[in-house]
Amino acid sequence: MAGRHLPQKALALATVIAVVALAMVFMTRSEGTPQREKAEASASIKMAVAKRKEVPVQLQAVGTVEAHATVSIKSRIDGQLVGVHFREGQDVKKGDLLFTIDPRPHEAAIKEARARLARDTALADKADIDARRYAELVAKNFVSSDKFEQFRANAEALKATVAADRAALERAQLNLEYCHIKSPMSGRTGRILVDEGAQIKANDDKGGMVEIMQIMPIYVGFAVPQQYLAEIKTRMAAGPLKVEAAIPESQIEPQTGTLSFLDNKVNTQTGTVLLKGTFANTDRLLWPGQFVTATLTLATRSDVVVIPSVAVQIGQDGQFVYVVKPDMTVEIRPVALGMTLGDEVVIEKGLGGDEKVVTEGQLRLVPGAKVRIAGS
């Protein structure tokens, strides 16, 4: 009896297990499907709102800082250098004494020139008296006219000698002044190229004694493409144009100056034109030879649509953005880009103000996809 009932019990148990397993499958499907649908319908994104604001029309280029003026100091006379009156890298003012060349030979030359002038002046005075005396005798026919002409010519020659002596004395005095070399302008000195005790040659072509650069104010030179030349000339005629110089990889605020120079020719090799901005540089942040980012502001545009640059995507048909619609679905919108302003870009066509664009999570999106804001 027990043997006959065993297959029935086993069959009943198998049936129960099958029913339970089928129920679990249905439960799993009923629970999993909404979760997958929810995940597929709510892609997490970040977004930003397109803004309308004023933006500057700017040209940007790599610029080089240049001294406002540079002078190489050279001696005008030969002699031994006996004094250096400044330190390397020191700020000097116009008229400050820089070098002294041994003045003793020139002091002696002045004394000699003065003595020669005194002697020749005395001879000239004596000759003039003799010439006047012989003029009276000629008038009375006491001496021949030839004798008078000889005395008159001697007097005139000595007058010329006196004039030459005065010129020699002035030259000697000038050479004595050249022994004291002074700064022709205010600026900053560079490396001293001669040592005290060295023999100096006048106007030595091998190099100067020191170089002085004027760094207040200072120039920033930069080149822009020639296609902007006409607009730059028009804007310059209307008024001063602002130039900013930013030091790369620095937290220092950009320095502000004014466009002061437009070159008279276009570089035929590069197709660019050279510009220069003048900066007060009172805090001396700009230094000759330094590379900076120069930004020239031509005008200001108002009511321009601006979005973060990261919102712009590139597809087969060009650049586009994902626009978030009020029902929290997205659509693809082709856009035309304008200038870049830091982390933002101007939208010339394709977007209006206050529209929302996706800035993060674009890779998971397709047109019409449902989205949710990350963290909401």
Foldseek 3Di string as FASTA:
>chain_A
DVVVCVVVVVVVVVVVVVVVVVVVVVVVCVVPPVVVVVPQQAFAFAWDFWAFWKDFDKDKFKKFWAFPDKDFAAFQAWAAWADADDDAFDWDFAFAWGTAGPLVVLVVQLVVLVVQLVVLVVVLVVLVVVLVVVVVCVVVVNDDVVVSVVSVVSNVVSVVVNVVSVVSNVVSVVNSVSRGDGHRGTFTKHDAPDDHGDIGHRPDPVGGGIMGTHVQKIKMKGKDAPVCVVLVVVLVVVHWWKKWWAAPPDPDDTFIFTWDDWDPDADPVPRITMTMTIGRCPVVPHDGRGMTMMMIGRGMDGGWIKDFPLQWDADPVGIWWWWQDPVQFTAIWDFDWDDDDVRMTTTPDTDHGRIMTTNPRPVSHDHGRHYDYPPD
